[in-house]
Amino acid sequence: FLMSRHGCEETRALFTRIQMLVVRSLLAVQKVMMQDRHSFELYGYDVMIDDGLKPWLIEVNASPSLSADTSADHALKVGLLDDMCDVVDMEKRLSGAEEQVGGFDLIYQGGPV
């Protein structure tokens, strides 16, 4: 929908702005986040996009609901959990140099934003 309405370049720019919104929000609370290498957290971001393709952060959920009301919602959340397990890499199949795992892209690797 976005690409057909706004074009590829503007859609890519929007997703870059959303990625930076996520990174900056996590950096802002980095010191109070759980720092245990033996566990992980899944965050749910609610983002609204205005007519000018500006993303607005509505809220961040530390424990997003994984219940599903429809078959499409169920498929989305099962895919999310499958991708999340790929990122966690309990089988130790990843090298650590990947820029994409499952349906997720690496958007930050310790550098300045």
PDB file of N, CA and C in Angstrom:
ATOM      1  N   PHE A   1       0.815  -1.195   0.000  1.00  0.00           N
ATOM      2  CA  PHE A   1       0.000   0.000   0.000  1.00  0.00           C
ATOM      3  C   PHE A   1       0.864   1.266   0.000  1.00  0.00           C
ATOM      4  N   LEU A   2       1.831   1.315   0.916  1.00  0.00           N
ATOM      5  CA  LEU A   2       2.660   2.516   1.016  1.00  0.00           C
ATOM      6  C   LEU A   2       3.463   2.760  -0.259  1.00  0.00           C
ATOM      7  N   MET A   3       4.054   1.705  -0.811  1.00  0.00           N
ATOM      8  CA  MET A   3       4.860   1.890  -2.029  1.00  0.00           C
ATOM      9  C   MET A   3       3.993   2.309  -3.207  1.00  0.00           C
ATOM     10  N   SER A   4       2.799   1.765  -3.316  1.00  0.00           N
ATOM     11  CA  SER A   4       1.931   2.145  -4.437  1.00  0.00           C
ATOM     12  C   SER A   4       1.438   3.580  -4.298  1.00  0.00           C
ATOM     13  N   ARG A   5       1.341   4.048  -3.088  1.00  0.00           N
ATOM     14  CA  ARG A   5       0.834   5.411  -2.857  1.00  0.00           C
ATOM     15  C   ARG A   5       1.936   6.465  -2.792  1.00  0.00           C
ATOM     16  N   HIS A   6       3.096   6.102  -2.191  1.00  0.00           N
ATOM     17  CA  HIS A   6       4.145   7.091  -1.944  1.00  0.00           C
ATOM     18  C   HIS A   6       5.456   6.804  -2.668  1.00  0.00           C
ATOM     19  N   GLY A   7       5.566   5.630  -3.260  1.00  0.00           N
ATOM     20  CA  GLY A   7       6.791   5.281  -3.968  1.00  0.00           C
ATOM     21  C   GLY A   7       7.791   4.567  -3.080  1.00  0.00           C
ATOM     22  N   CYS A   8       8.731   3.926  -3.713  1.00  0.00           N
ATOM     23  CA  CYS A   8       9.720   3.100  -3.020  1.00  0.00           C
ATOM     24  C   CYS A   8      10.650   3.939  -2.136  1.00  0.00           C
ATOM     25  N   GLU A   9      11.131   5.053  -2.658  1.00  0.00           N
ATOM     26  CA  GLU A   9      12.094   5.876  -1.907  1.00  0.00           C
ATOM     27  C   GLU A   9      11.484   6.441  -0.630  1.00  0.00           C
ATOM     28  N   GLU A  10      10.278   6.989  -0.713  1.00  0.00           N
ATOM     29  CA  GLU A  10       9.639   7.554   0.483  1.00  0.00           C
ATOM     30  C   GLU A  10       9.281   6.462   1.490  1.00  0.00           C
ATOM     31  N   THR A  11       8.891   5.286   0.993  1.00  0.00           N
ATOM     32  CA  THR A  11       8.566   4.175   1.893  1.00  0.00           C
ATOM     33  C   THR A  11       9.813   3.692   2.617  1.00  0.00           C
ATOM     34  N   ARG A  12      10.927   3.575   1.912  1.00  0.00           N
ATOM     35  CA  ARG A  12      12.187   3.191   2.564  1.00  0.00           C
ATOM     36  C   ARG A  12      12.601   4.227   3.607  1.00  0.00           C
ATOM     37  N   ALA A  13      12.435   5.498   3.285  1.00  0.00           N
ATOM     38  CA  ALA A  13      12.776   6.561   4.239  1.00  0.00           C
ATOM     39  C   ALA A  13      11.900   6.461   5.484  1.00  0.00           C
ATOM     40  N   LEU A  14      10.619   6.140   5.314  1.00  0.00           N
ATOM     41  CA  LEU A  14       9.721   5.966   6.451  1.00  0.00           C
ATOM     42  C   LEU A  14      10.215   4.836   7.356  1.00  0.00           C
ATOM     43  N   PHE A  15      10.558   3.700   6.766  1.00  0.00           N
ATOM     44  CA  PHE A  15      11.018   2.573   7.571  1.00  0.00           C
ATOM     45  C   PHE A  15      12.348   2.876   8.263  1.00  0.00           C
ATOM     46  N   THR A  16      13.190   3.664   7.642  1.00  0.00           N
ATOM     47  CA  THR A  16      14.431   4.097   8.302  1.00  0.00           C
ATOM     48  C   THR A  16      14.099   4.965   9.507  1.00  0.00           C
ATOM     49  N   ARG A  17      13.132   5.873   9.368  1.00  0.00           N
ATOM     50  CA  ARG A  17      12.729   6.719  10.503  1.00  0.00           C
ATOM     51  C   ARG A  17      12.127   5.870  11.627  1.00  0.00           C
ATOM     52  N   ILE A  18      11.357   4.838  11.286  1.00  0.00           N
ATOM     53  CA  ILE A  18      10.792   3.958  12.310  1.00  0.00           C
ATOM     54  C   ILE A  18      11.912   3.192  13.018  1.00  0.00           C
ATOM     55  N   GLN A  19      12.887   2.709  12.259  1.00  0.00           N
ATOM     56  CA  GLN A  19      14.024   2.014  12.873  1.00  0.00           C
ATOM     57  C   GLN A  19      14.767   2.929  13.828  1.00  0.00           C
ATOM     58  N   MET A  20      14.997   4.155  13.448  1.00  0.00           N
ATOM     59  CA  MET A  20      15.701   5.090  14.328  1.00  0.00           C
ATOM     60  C   MET A  20      14.863   5.418  15.561  1.00  0.00           C
ATOM     61  N   LEU A  21      13.554   5.477  15.415  1.00  0.00           N
ATOM     62  CA  LEU A  21      12.660   5.695  16.549  1.00  0.00           C
ATOM     63  C   LEU A  21      12.819   4.546  17.551  1.00  0.00           C
ATOM     64  N   VAL A  22      12.871   3.315  17.064  1.00  0.00           N
ATOM     65  CA  VAL A  22      13.040   2.146  17.933  1.00  0.00           C
ATOM     66  C   VAL A  22      14.408   2.193  18.623  1.00  0.00           C
ATOM     67  N   VAL A  23      15.459   2.409  17.858  1.00  0.00           N
ATOM     68  CA  VAL A  23      16.813   2.436  18.429  1.00  0.00           C
ATOM     69  C   VAL A  23      16.931   3.530  19.484  1.00  0.00           C
ATOM     70  N   ARG A  24      16.480   4.708  19.168  1.00  0.00           N
ATOM     71  CA  ARG A  24      16.623   5.831  20.121  1.00  0.00           C
ATOM     72  C   ARG A  24      15.804   5.606  21.381  1.00  0.00           C
ATOM     73  N   SER A  25      14.637   5.004  21.245  1.00  0.00           N
ATOM     74  CA  SER A  25      13.831   4.741  22.443  1.00  0.00           C
ATOM     75  C   SER A  25      14.511   3.700  23.328  1.00  0.00           C
ATOM     76  N   LEU A  26      15.150   2.698  22.725  1.00  0.00           N
ATOM     77  CA  LEU A  26      15.864   1.695  23.520  1.00  0.00           C
ATOM     78  C   LEU A  26      17.127   2.271  24.157  1.00  0.00           C
ATOM     79  N   LEU A  27      17.837   3.120  23.423  1.00  0.00           N
ATOM     80  CA  LEU A  27      19.031   3.759  23.996  1.00  0.00           C
ATOM     81  C   LEU A  27      18.661   4.653  25.177  1.00  0.00           C
ATOM     82  N   ALA A  28      17.495   5.282  25.112  1.00  0.00           N
ATOM     83  CA  ALA A  28      17.074   6.186  26.181  1.00  0.00           C
ATOM     84  C   ALA A  28      16.846   5.456  27.503  1.00  0.00           C
ATOM     85  N   VAL A  29      16.483   4.186  27.438  1.00  0.00           N
ATOM     86  CA  VAL A  29      16.202   3.430  28.666  1.00  0.00           C
ATOM     87  C   VAL A  29      17.204   2.296  28.891  1.00  0.00           C
ATOM     88  N   GLN A  30      18.280   2.316  28.156  1.00  0.00           N
ATOM     89  CA  GLN A  30      19.272   1.245  28.195  1.00  0.00           C
ATOM     90  C   GLN A  30      19.760   0.929  29.604  1.00  0.00           C
ATOM     91  N   LYS A  31      19.981   1.940  30.427  1.00  0.00           N
ATOM     92  CA  LYS A  31      20.553   1.724  31.761  1.00  0.00           C
ATOM     93  C   LYS A  31      19.581   1.049  32.725  1.00  0.00           C
ATOM     94  N   VAL A  32      18.298   1.106  32.448  1.00  0.00           N
ATOM     95  CA  VAL A  32      17.325   0.484  33.354  1.00  0.00           C
ATOM     96  C   VAL A  32      16.749  -0.810  32.786  1.00  0.00           C
ATOM     97  N   MET A  33      17.207  -1.221  31.619  1.00  0.00           N
ATOM     98  CA  MET A  33      16.735  -2.465  31.019  1.00  0.00           C
ATOM     99  C   MET A  33      17.440  -3.656  31.653  1.00  0.00           C
ATOM    100  N   MET A  34      16.786  -4.805  31.597  1.00  0.00           N
ATOM    101  CA  MET A  34      17.361  -6.041  32.099  1.00  0.00           C
ATOM    102  C   MET A  34      18.651  -6.341  31.319  1.00  0.00           C
ATOM    103  N   GLN A  35      19.716  -6.677  32.006  1.00  0.00           N
ATOM    104  CA  GLN A  35      21.018  -6.925  31.377  1.00  0.00           C
ATOM    105  C   GLN A  35      21.477  -8.357  31.622  1.00  0.00           C
ATOM    106  N   ASP A  36      20.608  -9.326  31.460  1.00  0.00           N
ATOM    107  CA  ASP A  36      20.934 -10.728  31.713  1.00  0.00           C
ATOM    108  C   ASP A  36      21.149 -11.446  30.382  1.00  0.00           C
ATOM    109  N   ARG A  37      22.341 -11.949  30.154  1.00  0.00           N
ATOM    110  CA  ARG A  37      22.666 -12.633  28.897  1.00  0.00           C
ATOM    111  C   ARG A  37      21.920 -13.961  28.745  1.00  0.00           C
ATOM    112  N   HIS A  38      21.283 -14.431  29.790  1.00  0.00           N
ATOM    113  CA  HIS A  38      20.586 -15.712  29.751  1.00  0.00           C
ATOM    114  C   HIS A  38      19.076 -15.550  29.581  1.00  0.00           C
ATOM    115  N   SER A  39      18.627 -14.375  29.239  1.00  0.00           N
ATOM    116  CA  SER A  39      17.206 -14.136  29.015  1.00  0.00           C
ATOM    117  C   SER A  39      17.042 -13.025  27.980  1.00  0.00           C
ATOM    118  N   PHE A  40      15.826 -12.805  27.538  1.00  0.00           N
ATOM    119  CA  PHE A  40      15.555 -11.751  26.572  1.00  0.00           C
ATOM    120  C   PHE A  40      14.156 -11.209  26.808  1.00  0.00           C
ATOM    121  N   GLU A  41      13.891 -10.058  26.224  1.00  0.00           N
ATOM    122  CA  GLU A  41      12.566  -9.456  26.297  1.00  0.00           C
ATOM    123  C   GLU A  41      12.090  -9.154  24.888  1.00  0.00           C
ATOM    124  N   LEU A  42      10.803  -9.280  24.698  1.00  0.00           N
ATOM    125  CA  LEU A  42      10.162  -8.920  23.441  1.00  0.00           C
ATOM    126  C   LEU A  42       9.359  -7.647  23.698  1.00  0.00           C
ATOM    127  N   TYR A  43       9.618  -6.614  22.913  1.00  0.00           N
ATOM    128  CA  TYR A  43       8.896  -5.351  23.053  1.00  0.00           C
ATOM    129  C   TYR A  43       7.947  -5.169  21.880  1.00  0.00           C
ATOM    130  N   GLY A  44       6.796  -4.603  22.163  1.00  0.00           N
ATOM    131  CA  GLY A  44       5.830  -4.292  21.113  1.00  0.00           C
ATOM    132  C   GLY A  44       5.735  -2.786  20.958  1.00  0.00           C
ATOM    133  N   TYR A  45       5.964  -2.300  19.751  1.00  0.00           N
ATOM    134  CA  TYR A  45       5.915  -0.858  19.475  1.00  0.00           C
ATOM    135  C   TYR A  45       4.627  -0.505  18.757  1.00  0.00           C
ATOM    136  N   ASP A  46       3.930   0.498  19.270  1.00  0.00           N
ATOM    137  CA  ASP A  46       2.764   1.052  18.579  1.00  0.00           C
ATOM    138  C   ASP A  46       3.206   2.364  17.961  1.00  0.00           C
ATOM    139  N   VAL A  47       3.165   2.425  16.638  1.00  0.00           N
ATOM    140  CA  VAL A  47       3.612   3.599  15.892  1.00  0.00           C
ATOM    141  C   VAL A  47       2.480   4.043  14.980  1.00  0.00           C
ATOM    142  N   MET A  48       2.186   5.333  15.002  1.00  0.00           N
ATOM    143  CA  MET A  48       1.201   5.911  14.097  1.00  0.00           C
ATOM    144  C   MET A  48       1.953   6.679  13.016  1.00  0.00           C
ATOM    145  N   ILE A  49       1.482   6.585  11.787  1.00  0.00           N
ATOM    146  CA  ILE A  49       2.122   7.268  10.656  1.00  0.00           C
ATOM    147  C   ILE A  49       1.154   8.334  10.142  1.00  0.00           C
ATOM    148  N   ASP A  50       1.610   9.595  10.106  1.00  0.00           N
ATOM    149  CA  ASP A  50       0.721  10.667   9.653  1.00  0.00           C
ATOM    150  C   ASP A  50       0.742  10.785   8.124  1.00  0.00           C
ATOM    151  N   ASP A  51      -0.038  11.719   7.589  1.00  0.00           N
ATOM    152  CA  ASP A  51      -0.159  11.892   6.133  1.00  0.00           C
ATOM    153  C   ASP A  51       1.155  12.270   5.472  1.00  0.00           C
ATOM    154  N   GLY A  52       2.072  12.859   6.237  1.00  0.00           N
ATOM    155  CA  GLY A  52       3.381  13.234   5.703  1.00  0.00           C
ATOM    156  C   GLY A  52       4.423  12.138   5.872  1.00  0.00           C
ATOM    157  N   LEU A  53       3.967  10.935   6.217  1.00  0.00           N
ATOM    158  CA  LEU A  53       4.835   9.773   6.469  1.00  0.00           C
ATOM    159  C   LEU A  53       5.810   9.991   7.619  1.00  0.00           C
ATOM    160  N   LYS A  54       5.371  10.731   8.617  1.00  0.00           N
ATOM    161  CA  LYS A  54       6.165  10.895   9.830  1.00  0.00           C
ATOM    162  C   LYS A  54       5.661   9.895  10.862  1.00  0.00           C
ATOM    163  N   PRO A  55       6.574   9.048  11.399  1.00  0.00           N
ATOM    164  CA  PRO A  55       6.146   8.098  12.422  1.00  0.00           C
ATOM    165  C   PRO A  55       6.073   8.757  13.803  1.00  0.00           C
ATOM    166  N   TRP A  56       5.048   8.423  14.547  1.00  0.00           N
ATOM    167  CA  TRP A  56       4.855   8.931  15.905  1.00  0.00           C
ATOM    168  C   TRP A  56       4.784   7.734  16.854  1.00  0.00           C
ATOM    169  N   LEU A  57       5.645   7.716  17.861  1.00  0.00           N
ATOM    170  CA  LEU A  57       5.628   6.634  18.835  1.00  0.00           C
ATOM    171  C   LEU A  57       4.447   6.839  19.784  1.00  0.00           C
ATOM    172  N   ILE A  58       3.566   5.856  19.834  1.00  0.00           N
ATOM    173  CA  ILE A  58       2.401   5.920  20.721  1.00  0.00           C
ATOM    174  C   ILE A  58       2.756   5.303  22.075  1.00  0.00           C
ATOM    175  N   GLU A  59       3.294   4.079  22.052  1.00  0.00           N
ATOM    176  CA  GLU A  59       3.701   3.422  23.284  1.00  0.00           C
ATOM    177  C   GLU A  59       4.603   2.241  22.958  1.00  0.00           C
ATOM    178  N   VAL A  60       5.314   1.780  23.982  1.00  0.00           N
ATOM    179  CA  VAL A  60       6.129   0.576  23.896  1.00  0.00           C
ATOM    180  C   VAL A  60       5.626  -0.369  24.970  1.00  0.00           C
ATOM    181  N   ASN A  61       5.287  -1.583  24.558  1.00  0.00           N
ATOM    182  CA  ASN A  61       4.784  -2.588  25.491  1.00  0.00           C
ATOM    183  C   ASN A  61       5.897  -3.567  25.831  1.00  0.00           C
ATOM    184  N   ALA A  62       6.211  -3.684  27.122  1.00  0.00           N
ATOM    185  CA  ALA A  62       7.246  -4.610  27.554  1.00  0.00           C
ATOM    186  C   ALA A  62       6.758  -6.048  27.496  1.00  0.00           C
ATOM    187  N   SER A  63       5.479  -6.264  27.542  1.00  0.00           N
ATOM    188  CA  SER A  63       4.908  -7.607  27.440  1.00  0.00           C
ATOM    189  C   SER A  63       3.722  -7.559  26.483  1.00  0.00           C
ATOM    190  N   PRO A  64       3.995  -7.498  25.181  1.00  0.00           N
ATOM    191  CA  PRO A  64       2.889  -7.381  24.230  1.00  0.00           C
ATOM    192  C   PRO A  64       2.035  -8.648  24.216  1.00  0.00           C
ATOM    193  N   SER A  65       0.763  -8.471  23.962  1.00  0.00           N
ATOM    194  CA  SER A  65      -0.161  -9.601  23.904  1.00  0.00           C
ATOM    195  C   SER A  65       0.164 -10.486  22.706  1.00  0.00           C
ATOM    196  N   LEU A  66       0.209 -11.765  22.940  1.00  0.00           N
ATOM    197  CA  LEU A  66       0.428 -12.720  21.857  1.00  0.00           C
ATOM    198  C   LEU A  66      -0.820 -13.546  21.589  1.00  0.00           C
ATOM    199  N   SER A  67      -1.950 -13.127  22.175  1.00  0.00           N
ATOM    200  CA  SER A  67      -3.200 -13.814  21.864  1.00  0.00           C
ATOM    201  C   SER A  67      -3.679 -13.367  20.487  1.00  0.00           C
ATOM    202  N   ALA A  68      -4.471 -14.206  19.854  1.00  0.00           N
ATOM    203  CA  ALA A  68      -4.917 -13.913  18.492  1.00  0.00           C
ATOM    204  C   ALA A  68      -6.427 -14.060  18.395  1.00  0.00           C
ATOM    205  N   ASP A  69      -7.060 -13.083  17.734  1.00  0.00           N
ATOM    206  CA  ASP A  69      -8.511 -13.103  17.564  1.00  0.00           C
ATOM    207  C   ASP A  69      -8.931 -13.615  16.191  1.00  0.00           C
ATOM    208  N   THR A  70      -8.034 -13.521  15.222  1.00  0.00           N
ATOM    209  CA  THR A  70      -8.359 -13.943  13.854  1.00  0.00           C
ATOM    210  C   THR A  70      -7.269 -14.877  13.339  1.00  0.00           C
ATOM    211  N   SER A  71      -7.552 -15.545  12.245  1.00  0.00           N
ATOM    212  CA  SER A  71      -6.545 -16.446  11.673  1.00  0.00           C
ATOM    213  C   SER A  71      -5.349 -15.647  11.143  1.00  0.00           C
ATOM    214  N   ALA A  72      -5.591 -14.455  10.616  1.00  0.00           N
ATOM    215  CA  ALA A  72      -4.481 -13.618  10.135  1.00  0.00           C
ATOM    216  C   ALA A  72      -3.611 -13.163  11.306  1.00  0.00           C
ATOM    217  N   ASP A  73      -4.234 -12.792  12.405  1.00  0.00           N
ATOM    218  CA  ASP A  73      -3.502 -12.386  13.607  1.00  0.00           C
ATOM    219  C   ASP A  73      -2.693 -13.561  14.149  1.00  0.00           C
ATOM    220  N   HIS A  74      -3.282 -14.735  14.147  1.00  0.00           N
ATOM    221  CA  HIS A  74      -2.588 -15.941  14.609  1.00  0.00           C
ATOM    222  C   HIS A  74      -1.365 -16.220  13.746  1.00  0.00           C
ATOM    223  N   ALA A  75      -1.529 -16.165  12.428  1.00  0.00           N
ATOM    224  CA  ALA A  75      -0.405 -16.412  11.504  1.00  0.00           C
ATOM    225  C   ALA A  75       0.713 -15.394  11.723  1.00  0.00           C
ATOM    226  N   LEU A  76       0.348 -14.123  11.912  1.00  0.00           N
ATOM    227  CA  LEU A  76       1.337 -13.074  12.150  1.00  0.00           C
ATOM    228  C   LEU A  76       2.133 -13.354  13.420  1.00  0.00           C
ATOM    229  N   LYS A  77       1.442 -13.693  14.501  1.00  0.00           N
ATOM    230  CA  LYS A  77       2.118 -13.886  15.785  1.00  0.00           C
ATOM    231  C   LYS A  77       2.925 -15.181  15.829  1.00  0.00           C
ATOM    232  N   VAL A  78       2.462 -16.228  15.181  1.00  0.00           N
ATOM    233  CA  VAL A  78       3.254 -17.459  15.098  1.00  0.00           C
ATOM    234  C   VAL A  78       4.534 -17.184  14.302  1.00  0.00           C
ATOM    235  N   GLY A  79       4.426 -16.424  13.209  1.00  0.00           N
ATOM    236  CA  GLY A  79       5.606 -16.043  12.428  1.00  0.00           C
ATOM    237  C   GLY A  79       6.572 -15.201  13.244  1.00  0.00           C
ATOM    238  N   LEU A  80       6.032 -14.270  14.030  1.00  0.00           N
ATOM    239  CA  LEU A  80       6.865 -13.438  14.905  1.00  0.00           C
ATOM    240  C   LEU A  80       7.625 -14.300  15.901  1.00  0.00           C
ATOM    241  N   LEU A  81       6.949 -15.236  16.550  1.00  0.00           N
ATOM    242  CA  LEU A  81       7.607 -16.099  17.531  1.00  0.00           C
ATOM    243  C   LEU A  81       8.646 -17.004  16.878  1.00  0.00           C
ATOM    244  N   ASP A  82       8.355 -17.488  15.685  1.00  0.00           N
ATOM    245  CA  ASP A  82       9.322 -18.306  14.954  1.00  0.00           C
ATOM    246  C   ASP A  82      10.581 -17.493  14.632  1.00  0.00           C
ATOM    247  N   ASP A  83      10.380 -16.259  14.143  1.00  0.00           N
ATOM    248  CA  ASP A  83      11.522 -15.382  13.846  1.00  0.00           C
ATOM    249  C   ASP A  83      12.287 -15.021  15.115  1.00  0.00           C
ATOM    250  N   MET A  84      11.558 -14.791  16.208  1.00  0.00           N
ATOM    251  CA  MET A  84      12.206 -14.455  17.469  1.00  0.00           C
ATOM    252  C   MET A  84      13.099 -15.611  17.936  1.00  0.00           C
ATOM    253  N   CYS A  85      12.624 -16.837  17.788  1.00  0.00           N
ATOM    254  CA  CYS A  85      13.441 -18.005  18.164  1.00  0.00           C
ATOM    255  C   CYS A  85      14.681 -18.100  17.284  1.00  0.00           C
ATOM    256  N   ASP A  86      14.559 -17.718  16.012  1.00  0.00           N
ATOM    257  CA  ASP A  86      15.742 -17.682  15.140  1.00  0.00           C
ATOM    258  C   ASP A  86      16.768 -16.669  15.653  1.00  0.00           C
ATOM    259  N   VAL A  87      16.292 -15.512  16.110  1.00  0.00           N
ATOM    260  CA  VAL A  87      17.194 -14.474  16.616  1.00  0.00           C
ATOM    261  C   VAL A  87      17.865 -14.924  17.916  1.00  0.00           C
ATOM    262  N   VAL A  88      17.108 -15.543  18.805  1.00  0.00           N
ATOM    263  CA  VAL A  88      17.662 -16.017  20.080  1.00  0.00           C
ATOM    264  C   VAL A  88      18.727 -17.084  19.824  1.00  0.00           C
ATOM    265  N   ASP A  89      18.568 -17.896  18.783  1.00  0.00           N
ATOM    266  CA  ASP A  89      19.580 -18.857  18.318  1.00  0.00           C
ATOM    267  C   ASP A  89      20.024 -19.824  19.413  1.00  0.00           C
ATOM    268  N   MET A  90      19.075 -20.502  19.998  1.00  0.00           N
ATOM    269  CA  MET A  90      19.391 -21.472  21.046  1.00  0.00           C
ATOM    270  C   MET A  90      20.203 -22.657  20.517  1.00  0.00           C
ATOM    271  N   GLU A  91      20.124 -22.908  19.209  1.00  0.00           N
ATOM    272  CA  GLU A  91      20.884 -24.008  18.616  1.00  0.00           C
ATOM    273  C   GLU A  91      22.300 -23.599  18.229  1.00  0.00           C
ATOM    274  N   LYS A  92      22.635 -22.330  18.410  1.00  0.00           N
ATOM    275  CA  LYS A  92      23.976 -21.795  18.101  1.00  0.00           C
ATOM    276  C   LYS A  92      24.358 -22.005  16.633  1.00  0.00           C
ATOM    277  N   ARG A  93      23.424 -21.711  15.717  1.00  0.00           N
ATOM    278  CA  ARG A  93      23.695 -21.854  14.284  1.00  0.00           C
ATOM    279  C   ARG A  93      24.212 -20.570  13.649  1.00  0.00           C
ATOM    280  N   LEU A  94      24.049 -19.438  14.318  1.00  0.00           N
ATOM    281  CA  LEU A  94      24.427 -18.151  13.735  1.00  0.00           C
ATOM    282  C   LEU A  94      25.880 -17.802  14.058  1.00  0.00           C
ATOM    283  N   SER A  95      26.498 -17.045  13.161  1.00  0.00           N
ATOM    284  CA  SER A  95      27.900 -16.655  13.361  1.00  0.00           C
ATOM    285  C   SER A  95      28.034 -15.365  14.168  1.00  0.00           C
ATOM    286  N   GLY A  96      26.993 -14.540  14.172  1.00  0.00           N
ATOM    287  CA  GLY A  96      27.060 -13.232  14.827  1.00  0.00           C
ATOM    288  C   GLY A  96      27.313 -12.111  13.852  1.00  0.00           C
ATOM    289  N   ALA A  97      27.597 -12.453  12.598  1.00  0.00           N
ATOM    290  CA  ALA A  97      27.863 -11.442  11.574  1.00  0.00           C
ATOM    291  C   ALA A  97      26.638 -11.183  10.692  1.00  0.00           C
ATOM    292  N   GLU A  98      25.528 -11.829  10.985  1.00  0.00           N
ATOM    293  CA  GLU A  98      24.327 -11.691  10.166  1.00  0.00           C
ATOM    294  C   GLU A  98      23.743 -10.290  10.272  1.00  0.00           C
ATOM    295  N   GLU A  99      23.235  -9.787   9.173  1.00  0.00           N
ATOM    296  CA  GLU A  99      22.541  -8.500   9.179  1.00  0.00           C
ATOM    297  C   GLU A  99      21.038  -8.689   9.106  1.00  0.00           C
ATOM    298  N   GLN A 100      20.607  -9.929   8.863  1.00  0.00           N
ATOM    299  CA  GLN A 100      19.190 -10.258   8.866  1.00  0.00           C
ATOM    300  C   GLN A 100      19.039 -11.683   9.383  1.00  0.00           C
ATOM    301  N   VAL A 101      18.101 -11.871  10.310  1.00  0.00           N
ATOM    302  CA  VAL A 101      17.801 -13.187  10.852  1.00  0.00           C
ATOM    303  C   VAL A 101      16.290 -13.306  10.921  1.00  0.00           C
ATOM    304  N   GLY A 102      15.777 -14.400  10.359  1.00  0.00           N
ATOM    305  CA  GLY A 102      14.328 -14.543  10.320  1.00  0.00           C
ATOM    306  C   GLY A 102      13.740 -13.364   9.573  1.00  0.00           C
ATOM    307  N   GLY A 103      12.724 -12.763  10.117  1.00  0.00           N
ATOM    308  CA  GLY A 103      12.114 -11.587   9.505  1.00  0.00           C
ATOM    309  C   GLY A 103      12.629 -10.285  10.073  1.00  0.00           C
ATOM    310  N   PHE A 104      13.755 -10.326  10.794  1.00  0.00           N
ATOM    311  CA  PHE A 104      14.287  -9.143  11.456  1.00  0.00           C
ATOM    312  C   PHE A 104      15.571  -8.670  10.790  1.00  0.00           C
ATOM    313  N   ASP A 105      15.738  -7.361  10.705  1.00  0.00           N
ATOM    314  CA  ASP A 105      16.961  -6.748  10.196  1.00  0.00           C
ATOM    315  C   ASP A 105      17.753  -6.184  11.365  1.00  0.00           C
ATOM    316  N   LEU A 106      19.085  -6.282  11.296  1.00  0.00           N
ATOM    317  CA  LEU A 106      19.948  -5.643  12.278  1.00  0.00           C
ATOM    318  C   LEU A 106      19.886  -4.136  12.021  1.00  0.00           C
ATOM    319  N   ILE A 107      19.470  -3.369  13.024  1.00  0.00           N
ATOM    320  CA  ILE A 107      19.373  -1.919  12.820  1.00  0.00           C
ATOM    321  C   ILE A 107      20.336  -1.145  13.712  1.00  0.00           C
ATOM    322  N   TYR A 108      21.041  -1.834  14.601  1.00  0.00           N
ATOM    323  CA  TYR A 108      21.985  -1.152  15.488  1.00  0.00           C
ATOM    324  C   TYR A 108      23.024  -2.157  15.951  1.00  0.00           C
ATOM    325  N   GLN A 109      24.276  -1.758  15.922  1.00  0.00           N
ATOM    326  CA  GLN A 109      25.340  -2.636  16.380  1.00  0.00           C
ATOM    327  C   GLN A 109      26.387  -1.842  17.151  1.00  0.00           C
ATOM    328  N   GLY A 110      25.947  -1.197  18.221  1.00  0.00           N
ATOM    329  CA  GLY A 110      26.862  -0.533  19.126  1.00  0.00           C
ATOM    330  C   GLY A 110      27.457   0.783  18.657  1.00  0.00           C
ATOM    331  N   GLY A 111      27.073   1.283  17.508  1.00  0.00           N
ATOM    332  CA  GLY A 111      27.645   2.524  17.005  1.00  0.00           C
ATOM    333  C   GLY A 111      26.775   3.722  17.305  1.00  0.00           C
ATOM    334  N   PRO A 112      27.257   4.914  16.970  1.00  0.00           N
ATOM    335  CA  PRO A 112      26.457   6.115  17.217  1.00  0.00           C
ATOM    336  C   PRO A 112      25.247   6.166  16.291  1.00  0.00           C
ATOM    337  N   VAL A 113      24.192   6.777  16.790  1.00  0.00           N
ATOM    338  CA  VAL A 113      22.972   6.923  15.999  1.00  0.00           C
ATOM    339  C   VAL A 113      22.744   8.376  15.693  1.00  0.00           C
TER     340      VAL A 113
END
